[in-house]
Amino acid sequence: MDRIQIAYTVLGSLGLILATLGYLIKYKKMINLVAGVCKNDKRIKNKIGFARFVGGNVMALGIVFFIGSLMIYSNYQHKILIETFFLVGVFMVISITFRNAKKYINQEENHEK
């Protein structure tokens, strides 16, 4: 195996891990897997909606990683087009997540010490 094949194997494995984490967050409501969030976090307005939203986006990102790595790894003749599709898919999932995550988080912060 050359380095490119190893890189795409790692990328595909990362996709499977992200898809599994997304499943656990979305369907098992394990929001403690989200960085910086605990089960009794008062900053989250709607914990079920937050779990669905973040879990669904993490799962979509994992699926994009996995399918993208399979498409490139299969020695398809249009690798540049597939890599562009892959990068656009990743950018879209990340931008949707950052843009819409604010509706599940309380904006008022108590600065009590």
Protein backbone atom coordinates (compact mmCIF):
# COMPACT_ATOMS: atom_id res chain seq x y z
CA MET A 1 0.00 0.00 0.00
CA ASP A 2 1.30 3.41 -0.84
CA ARG A 3 0.83 6.53 1.27
CA ILE A 4 -2.22 7.76 -0.64
CA GLN A 5 -4.12 4.53 -0.05
CA ILE A 6 -3.22 4.62 3.64
CA ALA A 7 -4.43 8.22 3.87
CA TYR A 8 -7.79 7.37 2.30
CA THR A 9 -8.12 4.30 4.52
CA VAL A 10 -7.61 6.51 7.57
CA LEU A 11 -10.12 9.02 6.16
CA GLY A 12 -12.69 6.26 5.63
CA SER A 13 -12.12 4.97 9.16
CA LEU A 14 -12.58 8.47 10.52
CA GLY A 15 -15.84 8.66 8.59
CA LEU A 16 -17.08 5.47 10.23
CA ILE A 17 -16.11 6.77 13.67
CA LEU A 18 -17.89 10.09 13.08
CA ALA A 19 -21.00 8.35 11.74
CA THR A 20 -21.07 6.14 14.85
CA LEU A 21 -20.66 9.14 17.17
CA GLY A 22 -23.42 10.97 15.29
CA TYR A 23 -25.71 7.96 15.72
CA LEU A 24 -25.02 7.85 19.45
CA ILE A 25 -25.68 11.57 19.83
CA LYS A 26 -28.79 11.68 17.66
CA TYR A 27 -30.62 8.47 18.52
CA LYS A 28 -29.24 7.58 21.97
CA LYS A 29 -29.28 11.25 23.11
CA MET A 30 -25.71 11.07 24.42
CA ILE A 31 -25.06 14.83 24.27
CA ASN A 32 -22.17 14.43 26.69
CA LEU A 33 -20.17 13.26 23.62
CA VAL A 34 -20.33 16.80 22.26
CA ALA A 35 -17.25 18.76 23.31
CA GLY A 36 -17.97 21.20 26.11
CA VAL A 37 -21.49 19.94 26.87
CA CYS A 38 -22.56 17.86 29.85
CA LYS A 39 -25.92 16.20 30.50
CA ASN A 40 -27.13 18.86 32.94
CA ASP A 41 -25.84 21.84 30.98
CA LYS A 42 -28.05 24.88 31.54
CA ARG A 43 -26.87 26.56 28.33
CA ILE A 44 -28.84 24.14 26.12
CA LYS A 45 -32.48 25.23 25.60
CA ASN A 46 -33.81 22.09 23.92
CA LYS A 47 -31.63 19.04 24.62
CA ILE A 48 -33.56 16.68 22.35
CA GLY A 49 -33.48 19.13 19.45
CA PHE A 50 -29.80 19.82 20.11
CA ALA A 51 -29.02 16.09 20.08
CA ARG A 52 -30.93 15.59 16.83
CA PHE A 53 -29.29 18.57 15.15
CA VAL A 54 -25.68 17.97 16.21
CA GLY A 55 -25.92 14.18 15.91
CA GLY A 56 -27.43 14.42 12.44
CA ASN A 57 -24.70 16.79 11.28
CA VAL A 58 -21.90 14.69 12.74
CA MET A 59 -23.41 11.60 11.12
CA ALA A 60 -23.69 13.42 7.77
CA LEU A 61 -20.08 14.53 8.03
CA GLY A 62 -18.99 10.96 8.74
CA ILE A 63 -20.95 9.66 5.77
CA VAL A 64 -19.42 12.32 3.50
CA PHE A 65 -15.92 11.33 4.72
CA PHE A 66 -16.58 7.63 4.21
CA ILE A 67 -18.18 7.91 0.77
CA GLY A 68 -15.59 10.42 -0.38
CA SER A 69 -12.75 8.14 0.65
CA LEU A 70 -14.40 5.17 -1.08
CA MET A 71 -14.86 7.14 -4.29
CA ILE A 72 -11.27 8.34 -4.38
CA TYR A 73 -9.82 5.01 -3.20
CA SER A 74 -11.58 3.11 -5.97
CA ASN A 75 -9.18 4.69 -8.52
CA TYR A 76 -11.96 6.57 -10.22
CA GLN A 77 -10.72 8.52 -13.24
CA HIS A 78 -12.07 11.90 -12.13
CA LYS A 79 -10.29 12.25 -8.80
CA ILE A 80 -10.15 16.05 -8.94
CA LEU A 81 -13.91 16.29 -9.40
CA ILE A 82 -14.53 13.82 -6.56
CA GLU A 83 -12.11 15.64 -4.23
CA THR A 84 -13.85 18.93 -5.01
CA PHE A 85 -17.25 17.35 -4.29
CA PHE A 86 -15.84 15.94 -1.05
CA LEU A 87 -14.46 19.29 0.12
CA VAL A 88 -17.66 21.16 -0.79
CA GLY A 89 -19.72 18.55 1.12
CA VAL A 90 -17.53 18.91 4.22
CA PHE A 91 -17.68 22.72 4.03
CA MET A 92 -21.47 22.69 3.68
CA VAL A 93 -22.03 20.40 6.69
CA ILE A 94 -19.69 22.43 8.88
CA SER A 95 -21.18 25.78 7.84
CA ILE A 96 -24.75 24.56 8.42
CA THR A 97 -23.76 23.33 11.86
CA PHE A 98 -22.15 26.60 12.93
CA ARG A 99 -24.90 28.76 11.46
CA ASN A 100 -27.85 26.92 13.03
CA ALA A 101 -26.42 25.69 16.35
CA LYS A 102 -27.09 29.06 18.01
CA LYS A 103 -30.83 28.44 18.24
CA TYR A 104 -30.26 25.62 20.76
CA ILE A 105 -27.92 27.56 23.04
CA ASN A 106 -28.95 30.26 25.51
CA GLN A 107 -27.29 33.52 24.64
CA GLU A 108 -27.66 35.04 28.12
CA GLU A 109 -24.75 34.19 30.30
CA ASN A 110 -24.62 34.63 34.03
CA HIS A 111 -21.31 36.20 34.93
CA GLU A 112 -21.59 35.47 38.63
CA LYS A 113 -18.42 34.55 40.46
